[in-house]
């Protein structure tokens, strides 16, 4: 997948409703593995839109309206900055969030809000054991970076390292910002998304998304 990825998964709205809410339209492209600009409907019922780390598509401005009447889980990770995060929104409200910032002095840094999923305790115990071992061996490792993504995986069943065939699906289907298809317009992000990006850059560090 590369060093940087973001995705959102929706349950309770069909694929067309999700794409419409995000101002995205289907194109004819397909891909066997997940990457930015593609989406997939999982057998578990979640519809996943793959984008990039710190994408405005998974900023709070997009997630609150998108999550009305459904559940949305997001995940972001950048293995160069060692920053990862996951969030959940239900019916317009953020119900939980968790973030690891590997740039902090504490390798075990976690910042969370809300009631985390049941799987958190087991995942945390395993990650902590791995970090204990790495520290004891003098290894330069940051296992807590993987905790938010694993928590998001535990809820949605989506794993950004797995191909479509792992879910029994033929391929990921491509999407394009609707505004990019207007005659005479260059491919670009929708204005609502670009405005959210500008606001995000002004109000918080580049890696923050809430």
N, C-alpha and C. Protein backbone atom coordinates (compact mmCIF):
# COMPACT_ATOMS: atom_id res chain seq x y z
N UNK A 1 0.81 -1.21 0.00
CA UNK A 1 0.00 0.00 0.00
C UNK A 1 0.85 1.27 0.00
N UNK A 2 2.10 1.17 0.36
CA UNK A 2 2.90 2.37 0.45
C UNK A 2 2.88 2.92 1.86
N UNK A 3 3.48 4.09 2.02
CA UNK A 3 3.70 4.63 3.35
C UNK A 3 2.50 5.34 3.93
N UNK A 4 1.52 5.70 3.11
CA UNK A 4 0.45 6.55 3.59
C UNK A 4 -0.89 6.11 3.02
N UNK A 5 -1.91 5.98 3.89
CA UNK A 5 -3.22 5.56 3.44
C UNK A 5 -4.28 6.05 4.41
N UNK A 6 -5.47 6.26 3.88
CA UNK A 6 -6.63 6.54 4.70
C UNK A 6 -7.83 5.85 4.09
N UNK A 7 -8.78 5.44 4.89
CA UNK A 7 -10.00 4.86 4.35
C UNK A 7 -11.15 5.07 5.32
N UNK A 8 -12.36 5.00 4.77
CA UNK A 8 -13.55 5.06 5.59
C UNK A 8 -14.46 3.90 5.20
N UNK A 9 -15.16 3.37 6.19
CA UNK A 9 -16.07 2.25 5.97
C UNK A 9 -17.44 2.63 6.52
N UNK A 10 -18.47 2.36 5.74
CA UNK A 10 -19.83 2.75 6.11
C UNK A 10 -20.73 1.52 6.16
N UNK A 11 -21.53 1.45 7.21
CA UNK A 11 -22.52 0.39 7.33
C UNK A 11 -23.86 1.02 7.64
N UNK A 12 -24.86 0.67 6.84
CA UNK A 12 -26.18 1.24 7.04
C UNK A 12 -26.62 2.14 5.90
N UNK A 13 -25.73 2.39 4.93
CA UNK A 13 -26.06 3.11 3.70
C UNK A 13 -25.46 2.33 2.54
N UNK A 14 -26.17 2.32 1.40
CA UNK A 14 -25.62 1.59 0.26
C UNK A 14 -24.52 2.40 -0.41
N UNK A 15 -23.82 1.73 -1.31
CA UNK A 15 -22.65 2.33 -1.95
C UNK A 15 -22.98 3.62 -2.68
N UNK A 16 -24.09 3.64 -3.42
CA UNK A 16 -24.44 4.84 -4.18
C UNK A 16 -24.72 6.02 -3.26
N UNK A 17 -25.36 5.75 -2.13
CA UNK A 17 -25.66 6.83 -1.18
C UNK A 17 -24.37 7.40 -0.58
N UNK A 18 -23.42 6.53 -0.30
CA UNK A 18 -22.14 6.98 0.27
C UNK A 18 -21.37 7.82 -0.74
N UNK A 19 -21.27 7.31 -1.97
CA UNK A 19 -20.54 8.05 -3.00
C UNK A 19 -21.21 9.40 -3.26
N UNK A 20 -22.53 9.41 -3.29
CA UNK A 20 -23.24 10.66 -3.52
C UNK A 20 -23.00 11.67 -2.41
N UNK A 21 -22.99 11.19 -1.17
CA UNK A 21 -22.76 12.08 -0.03
C UNK A 21 -21.36 12.68 -0.05
N UNK A 22 -20.41 11.94 -0.60
CA UNK A 22 -19.03 12.42 -0.68
C UNK A 22 -18.73 13.14 -1.99
N UNK A 23 -19.74 13.27 -2.85
CA UNK A 23 -19.58 13.95 -4.14
C UNK A 23 -18.60 13.19 -5.03
N UNK A 24 -18.74 11.87 -5.02
CA UNK A 24 -17.91 11.00 -5.85
C UNK A 24 -18.79 10.22 -6.80
N UNK A 25 -18.25 9.87 -7.96
CA UNK A 25 -18.98 9.07 -8.93
C UNK A 25 -18.12 7.88 -9.36
N UNK A 26 -18.78 6.82 -9.74
CA UNK A 26 -18.06 5.63 -10.20
C UNK A 26 -17.41 5.90 -11.56
N UNK A 27 -16.27 5.28 -11.79
CA UNK A 27 -15.68 5.25 -13.13
C UNK A 27 -15.52 3.78 -13.53
N UNK A 28 -14.93 3.54 -14.65
CA UNK A 28 -14.84 2.17 -15.16
C UNK A 28 -13.56 1.45 -14.75
N UNK A 29 -12.79 2.05 -13.89
CA UNK A 29 -11.53 1.44 -13.49
C UNK A 29 -11.76 0.38 -12.42
N UNK A 30 -10.92 -0.63 -12.43
CA UNK A 30 -10.92 -1.65 -11.39
C UNK A 30 -9.49 -1.91 -10.95
N UNK A 31 -9.36 -2.48 -9.79
CA UNK A 31 -8.04 -2.74 -9.22
C UNK A 31 -8.14 -3.95 -8.32
N UNK A 32 -7.14 -4.82 -8.39
CA UNK A 32 -7.19 -6.03 -7.56
C UNK A 32 -6.85 -5.76 -6.11
N UNK A 33 -6.03 -4.73 -5.87
CA UNK A 33 -5.60 -4.38 -4.51
C UNK A 33 -6.07 -2.97 -4.15
N UNK A 34 -6.28 -2.72 -2.87
CA UNK A 34 -6.77 -1.40 -2.46
C UNK A 34 -5.74 -0.30 -2.67
N UNK A 35 -6.21 0.80 -3.23
CA UNK A 35 -5.38 2.00 -3.33
C UNK A 35 -6.30 3.20 -3.48
N UNK A 36 -5.73 4.36 -3.33
CA UNK A 36 -6.51 5.59 -3.38
C UNK A 36 -7.34 5.68 -4.66
N UNK A 37 -8.59 6.07 -4.50
CA UNK A 37 -9.47 6.22 -5.66
C UNK A 37 -10.28 4.98 -5.98
N UNK A 38 -10.33 4.03 -5.03
CA UNK A 38 -11.09 2.81 -5.27
C UNK A 38 -11.94 2.47 -4.05
N UNK A 39 -12.96 1.65 -4.27
CA UNK A 39 -13.89 1.30 -3.20
C UNK A 39 -14.32 -0.15 -3.35
N UNK A 40 -14.89 -0.69 -2.27
CA UNK A 40 -15.30 -2.09 -2.28
C UNK A 40 -16.44 -2.31 -1.29
N UNK A 41 -17.37 -3.18 -1.65
CA UNK A 41 -18.42 -3.61 -0.73
C UNK A 41 -18.03 -4.97 -0.17
N UNK A 42 -17.90 -5.05 1.15
CA UNK A 42 -17.45 -6.27 1.80
C UNK A 42 -18.62 -7.19 2.11
N UNK A 43 -18.39 -8.49 2.18
CA UNK A 43 -19.45 -9.43 2.58
C UNK A 43 -20.03 -9.11 3.95
N UNK A 44 -19.25 -8.45 4.81
CA UNK A 44 -19.72 -8.07 6.14
C UNK A 44 -20.74 -6.94 6.11
N UNK A 45 -20.95 -6.34 4.92
CA UNK A 45 -21.93 -5.26 4.80
C UNK A 45 -21.33 -3.87 4.81
N UNK A 46 -20.05 -3.76 5.07
CA UNK A 46 -19.40 -2.46 5.07
C UNK A 46 -19.01 -2.07 3.65
N UNK A 47 -19.21 -0.79 3.31
CA UNK A 47 -18.75 -0.24 2.05
C UNK A 47 -17.54 0.63 2.35
N UNK A 48 -16.41 0.34 1.73
CA UNK A 48 -15.13 0.97 2.05
C UNK A 48 -14.67 1.86 0.90
N UNK A 49 -14.33 3.09 1.23
CA UNK A 49 -13.76 4.04 0.27
C UNK A 49 -12.31 4.28 0.66
N UNK A 50 -11.40 3.96 -0.24
CA UNK A 50 -9.96 4.10 0.04
C UNK A 50 -9.48 5.44 -0.50
N UNK A 51 -8.81 6.19 0.34
CA UNK A 51 -8.29 7.49 -0.06
C UNK A 51 -6.85 7.61 0.44
N UNK A 52 -6.49 8.72 1.03
CA UNK A 52 -5.11 8.91 1.48
C UNK A 52 -5.09 9.39 2.92
N UNK A 53 -3.93 9.36 3.51
CA UNK A 53 -3.74 9.89 4.86
C UNK A 53 -4.08 11.38 4.89
N UNK A 54 -4.79 11.81 5.93
CA UNK A 54 -5.19 13.21 6.09
C UNK A 54 -6.08 13.71 4.97
N UNK A 55 -6.82 12.82 4.33
CA UNK A 55 -7.74 13.23 3.27
C UNK A 55 -8.92 14.00 3.85
N UNK A 56 -9.37 15.06 3.19
CA UNK A 56 -10.56 15.77 3.66
C UNK A 56 -11.82 14.92 3.57
N UNK A 57 -11.79 13.85 2.79
CA UNK A 57 -12.94 12.95 2.75
C UNK A 57 -13.20 12.31 4.11
N UNK A 58 -12.17 12.22 4.94
CA UNK A 58 -12.35 11.62 6.26
C UNK A 58 -12.09 12.64 7.36
N UNK A 59 -12.30 13.90 7.02
CA UNK A 59 -12.29 14.96 8.03
C UNK A 59 -13.67 15.03 8.67
N UNK A 60 -13.73 15.61 9.84
CA UNK A 60 -14.98 15.68 10.59
C UNK A 60 -16.08 16.36 9.80
N UNK A 61 -15.74 17.36 8.99
CA UNK A 61 -16.73 18.09 8.20
C UNK A 61 -17.48 17.17 7.24
N UNK A 62 -16.82 16.13 6.76
CA UNK A 62 -17.45 15.16 5.88
C UNK A 62 -18.14 14.04 6.65
N UNK A 63 -17.54 13.64 7.77
CA UNK A 63 -18.02 12.44 8.46
C UNK A 63 -19.32 12.66 9.22
N UNK A 64 -19.50 13.84 9.80
CA UNK A 64 -20.73 14.07 10.56
C UNK A 64 -21.98 13.93 9.69
N UNK A 65 -22.05 14.63 8.55
CA UNK A 65 -23.25 14.46 7.71
C UNK A 65 -23.34 13.06 7.10
N UNK A 66 -22.20 12.49 6.72
CA UNK A 66 -22.21 11.16 6.11
C UNK A 66 -22.77 10.11 7.07
N UNK A 67 -22.47 10.25 8.36
CA UNK A 67 -22.83 9.22 9.33
C UNK A 67 -24.27 9.31 9.83
N UNK A 68 -25.03 10.30 9.37
CA UNK A 68 -26.42 10.40 9.82
C UNK A 68 -27.20 9.19 9.30
N UNK A 69 -27.78 8.45 10.23
CA UNK A 69 -28.54 7.26 9.87
C UNK A 69 -27.71 6.03 9.62
N UNK A 70 -26.41 6.08 9.95
CA UNK A 70 -25.55 4.93 9.72
C UNK A 70 -24.32 5.01 10.63
N UNK A 71 -23.39 4.08 10.45
CA UNK A 71 -22.14 4.06 11.19
C UNK A 71 -20.97 4.22 10.22
N UNK A 72 -20.02 5.06 10.59
CA UNK A 72 -18.83 5.26 9.77
C UNK A 72 -17.59 5.05 10.63
N UNK A 73 -16.68 4.21 10.17
CA UNK A 73 -15.39 4.00 10.83
C UNK A 73 -14.30 4.45 9.88
N UNK A 74 -13.33 5.18 10.40
CA UNK A 74 -12.22 5.63 9.57
C UNK A 74 -10.89 5.11 10.11
N UNK A 75 -9.91 5.08 9.23
CA UNK A 75 -8.55 4.70 9.62
C UNK A 75 -7.57 5.51 8.79
N UNK A 76 -6.52 5.97 9.43
CA UNK A 76 -5.44 6.67 8.75
C UNK A 76 -4.11 6.21 9.31
N UNK A 77 -3.11 6.09 8.46
CA UNK A 77 -1.78 5.76 8.95
C UNK A 77 -0.71 6.24 7.99
N UNK A 78 0.36 6.73 8.56
CA UNK A 78 1.52 7.16 7.79
C UNK A 78 2.75 6.58 8.48
N UNK A 79 3.38 5.59 7.86
CA UNK A 79 4.46 4.88 8.55
C UNK A 79 5.79 5.63 8.50
N UNK A 80 5.86 6.75 7.79
CA UNK A 80 7.06 7.58 7.87
C UNK A 80 6.99 8.51 9.07
N UNK A 81 5.81 9.07 9.31
CA UNK A 81 5.63 9.93 10.47
C UNK A 81 5.27 9.13 11.73
N UNK A 82 4.93 7.84 11.53
CA UNK A 82 4.51 6.96 12.63
C UNK A 82 3.29 7.55 13.36
N UNK A 83 2.36 8.05 12.55
CA UNK A 83 1.10 8.56 13.06
C UNK A 83 -0.03 7.69 12.52
N UNK A 84 -0.92 7.26 13.40
CA UNK A 84 -2.06 6.45 12.98
C UNK A 84 -3.26 6.81 13.83
N UNK A 85 -4.44 6.62 13.28
CA UNK A 85 -5.65 6.98 14.01
C UNK A 85 -6.85 6.23 13.46
N UNK A 86 -7.85 6.08 14.30
CA UNK A 86 -9.13 5.49 13.90
C UNK A 86 -10.24 6.22 14.63
N UNK A 87 -11.39 6.34 13.98
CA UNK A 87 -12.53 7.00 14.60
C UNK A 87 -13.81 6.27 14.23
N UNK A 88 -14.86 6.55 14.98
CA UNK A 88 -16.18 6.02 14.66
C UNK A 88 -17.22 7.11 14.86
N UNK A 89 -18.09 7.27 13.88
CA UNK A 89 -19.21 8.20 13.96
C UNK A 89 -20.51 7.41 13.79
N UNK A 90 -21.50 7.75 14.58
CA UNK A 90 -22.82 7.12 14.49
C UNK A 90 -23.87 8.22 14.52
N UNK A 91 -24.68 8.26 13.48
CA UNK A 91 -25.79 9.20 13.41
C UNK A 91 -25.35 10.64 13.68
N UNK A 92 -24.25 11.03 13.06
CA UNK A 92 -23.79 12.41 13.14
C UNK A 92 -22.91 12.74 14.32
N UNK A 93 -22.66 11.78 15.20
CA UNK A 93 -21.85 12.03 16.39
C UNK A 93 -20.63 11.12 16.41
N UNK A 94 -19.51 11.65 16.87
CA UNK A 94 -18.32 10.82 17.03
C UNK A 94 -18.44 10.05 18.34
N UNK A 95 -18.42 8.72 18.26
CA UNK A 95 -18.61 7.89 19.45
C UNK A 95 -17.30 7.44 20.06
N UNK A 96 -16.25 7.32 19.27
CA UNK A 96 -14.94 7.01 19.83
C UNK A 96 -13.84 7.40 18.84
N UNK A 97 -12.65 7.57 19.37
CA UNK A 97 -11.49 7.86 18.53
C UNK A 97 -10.24 7.42 19.27
N UNK A 98 -9.22 7.09 18.51
CA UNK A 98 -7.94 6.72 19.10
C UNK A 98 -6.83 7.11 18.14
N UNK A 99 -5.74 7.60 18.70
CA UNK A 99 -4.64 8.11 17.89
C UNK A 99 -3.30 7.73 18.52
N UNK A 100 -2.36 7.39 17.67
CA UNK A 100 -0.98 7.19 18.11
C UNK A 100 -0.09 8.14 17.34
N UNK A 101 0.72 8.89 18.06
CA UNK A 101 1.67 9.82 17.44
C UNK A 101 3.07 9.37 17.83
N UNK A 102 3.75 8.69 16.91
CA UNK A 102 5.08 8.18 17.16
C UNK A 102 6.13 9.25 17.25
N UNK A 103 5.77 10.50 16.99
CA UNK A 103 6.72 11.60 17.11
C UNK A 103 6.80 12.12 18.54
N UNK A 104 5.93 11.62 19.39
CA UNK A 104 5.99 11.96 20.81
C UNK A 104 7.18 11.25 21.46
N UNK A 105 7.59 11.72 22.62
CA UNK A 105 8.70 11.09 23.33
C UNK A 105 8.34 9.67 23.79
N UNK A 106 7.06 9.44 24.04
CA UNK A 106 6.59 8.15 24.53
C UNK A 106 6.18 7.26 23.36
N UNK A 107 6.93 6.16 23.14
CA UNK A 107 6.61 5.23 22.06
C UNK A 107 5.22 4.64 22.23
N UNK A 108 4.74 4.56 23.46
CA UNK A 108 3.45 3.94 23.74
C UNK A 108 2.32 4.97 23.75
N UNK A 109 2.56 6.13 23.16
CA UNK A 109 1.56 7.19 23.17
C UNK A 109 0.25 6.74 22.54
N UNK A 110 -0.84 6.97 23.26
CA UNK A 110 -2.19 6.77 22.75
C UNK A 110 -3.07 7.89 23.31
N UNK A 111 -3.89 8.45 22.46
CA UNK A 111 -4.89 9.43 22.90
C UNK A 111 -6.24 8.93 22.42
N UNK A 112 -7.16 8.76 23.33
CA UNK A 112 -8.46 8.20 22.96
C UNK A 112 -9.59 8.97 23.59
N UNK A 113 -10.76 8.85 22.99
CA UNK A 113 -11.99 9.45 23.50
C UNK A 113 -13.13 8.47 23.28
N UNK A 114 -14.14 8.53 24.14
CA UNK A 114 -15.32 7.71 23.96
C UNK A 114 -15.12 6.28 24.43
N UNK A 115 -16.11 5.47 24.15
CA UNK A 115 -16.09 4.05 24.54
C UNK A 115 -15.53 3.22 23.41
N UNK A 116 -14.30 2.74 23.57
CA UNK A 116 -13.63 2.01 22.51
C UNK A 116 -14.26 0.62 22.32
N UNK A 117 -14.11 0.03 21.13
CA UNK A 117 -14.68 -1.30 20.86
C UNK A 117 -14.14 -2.36 21.81
N UNK A 118 -14.89 -3.44 21.94
CA UNK A 118 -14.53 -4.52 22.86
C UNK A 118 -13.15 -5.09 22.57
N UNK A 119 -12.77 -5.10 21.30
CA UNK A 119 -11.50 -5.71 20.93
C UNK A 119 -10.30 -4.93 21.43
N UNK A 120 -10.49 -3.71 21.91
CA UNK A 120 -9.36 -2.87 22.29
C UNK A 120 -8.48 -3.53 23.34
N UNK A 121 -9.06 -4.08 24.40
CA UNK A 121 -8.26 -4.62 25.50
C UNK A 121 -7.33 -5.73 25.02
N UNK A 122 -7.85 -6.64 24.20
CA UNK A 122 -7.03 -7.75 23.71
C UNK A 122 -5.94 -7.25 22.77
N UNK A 123 -6.29 -6.32 21.89
CA UNK A 123 -5.30 -5.77 20.96
C UNK A 123 -4.22 -5.01 21.73
N UNK A 124 -4.64 -4.22 22.70
CA UNK A 124 -3.69 -3.44 23.49
C UNK A 124 -2.73 -4.35 24.25
N UNK A 125 -3.25 -5.43 24.84
CA UNK A 125 -2.40 -6.35 25.60
C UNK A 125 -1.34 -6.99 24.69
N UNK A 126 -1.75 -7.38 23.48
CA UNK A 126 -0.81 -8.02 22.56
C UNK A 126 0.23 -7.02 22.08
N UNK A 127 -0.21 -5.81 21.72
CA UNK A 127 0.72 -4.78 21.25
C UNK A 127 1.70 -4.40 22.36
N UNK A 128 1.20 -4.29 23.59
CA UNK A 128 2.06 -3.94 24.71
C UNK A 128 3.12 -5.01 24.94
N UNK A 129 2.74 -6.29 24.80
CA UNK A 129 3.70 -7.38 24.96
C UNK A 129 4.78 -7.31 23.89
N UNK A 130 4.39 -7.01 22.66
CA UNK A 130 5.36 -6.88 21.58
C UNK A 130 6.31 -5.71 21.84
N UNK A 131 5.77 -4.60 22.35
CA UNK A 131 6.61 -3.44 22.64
C UNK A 131 7.55 -3.72 23.80
N UNK A 132 7.05 -4.44 24.82
CA UNK A 132 7.90 -4.83 25.94
C UNK A 132 9.10 -5.64 25.47
N UNK A 133 8.83 -6.59 24.59
CA UNK A 133 9.91 -7.45 24.07
C UNK A 133 10.90 -6.62 23.25
N UNK A 134 10.38 -5.74 22.38
CA UNK A 134 11.25 -4.91 21.56
C UNK A 134 12.13 -4.01 22.42
N UNK A 135 11.54 -3.42 23.45
CA UNK A 135 12.30 -2.55 24.33
C UNK A 135 13.38 -3.32 25.08
N UNK A 136 13.02 -4.53 25.53
CA UNK A 136 13.98 -5.35 26.27
C UNK A 136 15.17 -5.76 25.39
N UNK A 137 14.90 -5.94 24.10
CA UNK A 137 15.95 -6.33 23.16
C UNK A 137 16.70 -5.13 22.58
N UNK A 138 16.29 -3.94 22.96
CA UNK A 138 16.93 -2.74 22.44
C UNK A 138 16.58 -2.45 20.99
N UNK A 139 15.43 -2.95 20.53
CA UNK A 139 15.02 -2.76 19.14
C UNK A 139 14.35 -1.39 18.97
N UNK A 140 14.61 -0.78 17.84
CA UNK A 140 13.97 0.49 17.52
C UNK A 140 12.66 0.19 16.80
N UNK A 141 11.64 -0.11 17.56
CA UNK A 141 10.35 -0.52 17.00
C UNK A 141 9.22 0.26 17.65
N UNK A 142 8.18 0.51 16.88
CA UNK A 142 6.99 1.22 17.38
C UNK A 142 5.77 0.36 17.06
N UNK A 143 5.48 -0.59 17.94
CA UNK A 143 4.35 -1.48 17.72
C UNK A 143 3.02 -0.79 17.95
N UNK A 144 2.99 0.26 18.75
CA UNK A 144 1.73 0.95 19.04
C UNK A 144 1.19 1.69 17.82
N UNK A 145 2.04 1.91 16.81
CA UNK A 145 1.59 2.48 15.55
C UNK A 145 0.48 1.64 14.91
N UNK A 146 0.52 0.33 15.15
CA UNK A 146 -0.42 -0.57 14.50
C UNK A 146 -1.73 -0.74 15.28
N UNK A 147 -1.81 -0.15 16.47
CA UNK A 147 -3.00 -0.38 17.28
C UNK A 147 -4.26 0.26 16.69
N UNK A 148 -4.27 1.54 16.35
CA UNK A 148 -5.50 2.11 15.76
C UNK A 148 -5.96 1.38 14.49
N UNK A 149 -5.06 1.06 13.54
CA UNK A 149 -5.53 0.31 12.37
C UNK A 149 -6.13 -1.05 12.73
N UNK A 150 -5.51 -1.77 13.65
CA UNK A 150 -6.06 -3.07 14.04
C UNK A 150 -7.42 -2.93 14.68
N UNK A 151 -7.63 -1.86 15.44
CA UNK A 151 -8.93 -1.65 16.06
C UNK A 151 -9.98 -1.37 14.98
N UNK A 152 -9.63 -0.58 13.99
CA UNK A 152 -10.56 -0.33 12.87
C UNK A 152 -10.84 -1.61 12.11
N UNK A 153 -9.83 -2.43 11.91
CA UNK A 153 -10.02 -3.72 11.22
C UNK A 153 -10.98 -4.61 12.00
N UNK A 154 -10.85 -4.60 13.32
CA UNK A 154 -11.66 -5.50 14.15
C UNK A 154 -13.15 -5.17 14.03
N UNK A 155 -13.46 -3.92 13.75
CA UNK A 155 -14.87 -3.51 13.64
C UNK A 155 -15.41 -3.76 12.23
N UNK A 156 -14.62 -3.44 11.22
CA UNK A 156 -15.12 -3.44 9.85
C UNK A 156 -14.76 -4.68 9.04
N UNK A 157 -13.78 -5.44 9.48
CA UNK A 157 -13.18 -6.59 8.78
C UNK A 157 -12.31 -6.17 7.60
N UNK A 158 -12.16 -4.86 7.36
CA UNK A 158 -11.34 -4.42 6.23
C UNK A 158 -9.88 -4.33 6.63
N UNK A 159 -9.02 -4.90 5.78
CA UNK A 159 -7.58 -4.86 5.97
C UNK A 159 -6.97 -4.31 4.68
N UNK A 160 -6.34 -3.15 4.77
CA UNK A 160 -5.82 -2.48 3.58
C UNK A 160 -4.67 -3.21 2.92
N UNK A 161 -4.19 -4.28 3.50
CA UNK A 161 -3.12 -5.06 2.88
C UNK A 161 -3.65 -6.23 2.06
N UNK A 162 -4.95 -6.46 2.09
CA UNK A 162 -5.52 -7.65 1.44
C UNK A 162 -6.16 -7.28 0.10
N UNK A 163 -6.04 -8.18 -0.90
CA UNK A 163 -6.67 -7.93 -2.20
C UNK A 163 -8.17 -8.18 -2.14
N UNK A 164 -8.87 -7.77 -3.18
CA UNK A 164 -10.32 -7.96 -3.25
C UNK A 164 -10.69 -9.43 -3.17
N UNK A 165 -9.87 -10.28 -3.75
CA UNK A 165 -10.16 -11.72 -3.76
C UNK A 165 -10.23 -12.30 -2.35
N UNK A 166 -9.55 -11.69 -1.39
CA UNK A 166 -9.58 -12.18 -0.01
C UNK A 166 -10.98 -12.06 0.59
N UNK A 167 -11.80 -11.19 0.01
CA UNK A 167 -13.17 -11.01 0.48
C UNK A 167 -14.18 -11.70 -0.42
N UNK A 168 -13.69 -12.43 -1.42
CA UNK A 168 -14.58 -13.08 -2.36
C UNK A 168 -15.19 -12.10 -3.35
N UNK A 169 -14.53 -10.96 -3.55
CA UNK A 169 -15.00 -9.93 -4.47
C UNK A 169 -14.04 -9.84 -5.65
N UNK A 170 -14.58 -9.59 -6.84
CA UNK A 170 -13.76 -9.62 -8.04
C UNK A 170 -12.69 -8.53 -8.05
N UNK A 171 -13.06 -7.31 -7.66
CA UNK A 171 -12.10 -6.20 -7.73
C UNK A 171 -12.63 -5.00 -6.96
N UNK A 172 -11.72 -4.10 -6.65
CA UNK A 172 -12.09 -2.79 -6.16
C UNK A 172 -12.58 -1.97 -7.35
N UNK A 173 -13.59 -1.12 -7.13
CA UNK A 173 -14.15 -0.30 -8.20
C UNK A 173 -13.71 1.15 -8.05
N UNK A 174 -13.35 1.78 -9.16
CA UNK A 174 -12.82 3.12 -9.12
C UNK A 174 -13.88 4.19 -8.90
N UNK A 175 -13.45 5.30 -8.29
CA UNK A 175 -14.32 6.47 -8.15
C UNK A 175 -13.54 7.72 -8.52
N UNK A 176 -14.31 8.76 -8.86
CA UNK A 176 -13.74 10.04 -9.28
C UNK A 176 -14.55 11.17 -8.63
N UNK A 177 -13.92 12.24 -8.18
CA UNK A 177 -14.68 13.40 -7.71
C UNK A 177 -15.62 13.90 -8.81
N UNK A 178 -16.88 14.12 -8.48
CA UNK A 178 -17.88 14.50 -9.48
C UNK A 178 -17.49 15.76 -10.24
N UNK A 179 -16.89 16.72 -9.54
CA UNK A 179 -16.54 17.98 -10.17
C UNK A 179 -15.48 17.80 -11.26
N UNK A 180 -14.67 16.75 -11.12
CA UNK A 180 -13.62 16.53 -12.11
C UNK A 180 -14.18 16.14 -13.46
N UNK A 181 -15.45 15.71 -13.51
CA UNK A 181 -16.05 15.26 -14.76
C UNK A 181 -16.79 16.36 -15.50
N UNK A 182 -16.89 17.55 -14.92
CA UNK A 182 -17.61 18.64 -15.57
C UNK A 182 -16.83 19.11 -16.80
N UNK A 183 -17.51 19.40 -17.90
CA UNK A 183 -16.82 19.84 -19.13
C UNK A 183 -15.97 21.09 -18.88
N UNK A 184 -14.76 21.04 -19.42
CA UNK A 184 -13.88 22.19 -19.32
C UNK A 184 -13.20 22.36 -17.99
N UNK A 185 -13.42 21.43 -17.07
CA UNK A 185 -12.80 21.54 -15.76
C UNK A 185 -11.65 20.54 -15.64
N UNK A 186 -10.57 20.94 -15.02
CA UNK A 186 -9.48 20.05 -14.74
C UNK A 186 -9.86 19.14 -13.57
N UNK A 187 -9.30 17.96 -13.56
CA UNK A 187 -9.58 17.04 -12.46
C UNK A 187 -9.10 17.65 -11.16
N UNK A 188 -10.00 17.77 -10.23
CA UNK A 188 -9.66 18.36 -8.95
C UNK A 188 -10.63 17.85 -7.91
N UNK A 189 -10.37 18.15 -6.67
CA UNK A 189 -11.28 17.77 -5.60
C UNK A 189 -12.49 18.70 -5.61
N UNK A 190 -13.66 18.20 -5.17
CA UNK A 190 -14.84 19.05 -5.08
C UNK A 190 -14.56 20.26 -4.19
N UNK A 191 -15.29 21.38 -4.46
CA UNK A 191 -15.07 22.58 -3.67
C UNK A 191 -15.31 22.34 -2.20
N UNK A 192 -16.37 21.58 -1.87
CA UNK A 192 -16.65 21.33 -0.45
C UNK A 192 -15.49 20.62 0.22
N UNK A 193 -14.84 19.74 -0.52
CA UNK A 193 -13.70 19.00 0.02
C UNK A 193 -12.49 19.90 0.11
N UNK A 194 -12.25 20.72 -0.92
CA UNK A 194 -11.10 21.62 -0.90
C UNK A 194 -11.24 22.66 0.22
N UNK A 195 -12.47 23.14 0.44
CA UNK A 195 -12.70 24.10 1.52
C UNK A 195 -12.40 23.47 2.87
N UNK A 196 -12.82 22.18 3.04
CA UNK A 196 -12.53 21.49 4.29
C UNK A 196 -11.03 21.32 4.48
N UNK A 197 -10.31 21.10 3.36
CA UNK A 197 -8.87 20.93 3.44
C UNK A 197 -8.20 22.22 3.91
N UNK A 198 -8.65 23.35 3.35
CA UNK A 198 -8.07 24.64 3.74
C UNK A 198 -8.33 24.91 5.21
N UNK A 199 -9.56 24.64 5.65
CA UNK A 199 -9.90 24.84 7.05
C UNK A 199 -9.06 23.96 7.95
N UNK A 200 -8.88 22.70 7.53
CA UNK A 200 -8.09 21.76 8.33
C UNK A 200 -6.66 22.22 8.45
N UNK A 201 -6.09 22.73 7.36
CA UNK A 201 -4.70 23.17 7.40
C UNK A 201 -4.54 24.38 8.31
N UNK A 202 -5.54 25.23 8.33
CA UNK A 202 -5.45 26.44 9.13
C UNK A 202 -5.62 26.17 10.62
N UNK A 203 -6.45 25.16 10.93
CA UNK A 203 -6.83 24.95 12.32
C UNK A 203 -6.03 23.91 13.07
N UNK A 204 -5.29 23.06 12.37
CA UNK A 204 -4.60 22.00 13.08
C UNK A 204 -3.35 21.57 12.33
N UNK A 205 -2.44 20.85 13.03
CA UNK A 205 -1.24 20.33 12.36
C UNK A 205 -1.63 19.47 11.18
N UNK A 206 -0.74 19.33 10.19
CA UNK A 206 -1.08 18.65 8.94
C UNK A 206 -1.58 17.24 9.12
N UNK A 207 -1.13 16.55 10.22
CA UNK A 207 -1.53 15.16 10.36
C UNK A 207 -2.82 15.00 11.14
N UNK A 208 -3.35 16.09 11.71
CA UNK A 208 -4.57 15.99 12.49
C UNK A 208 -5.79 15.90 11.59
N UNK A 209 -6.84 15.20 12.06
CA UNK A 209 -8.05 15.15 11.28
C UNK A 209 -9.28 15.36 12.12
N UNK A 210 -9.13 15.71 13.40
CA UNK A 210 -10.30 16.13 14.16
C UNK A 210 -9.92 17.29 15.07
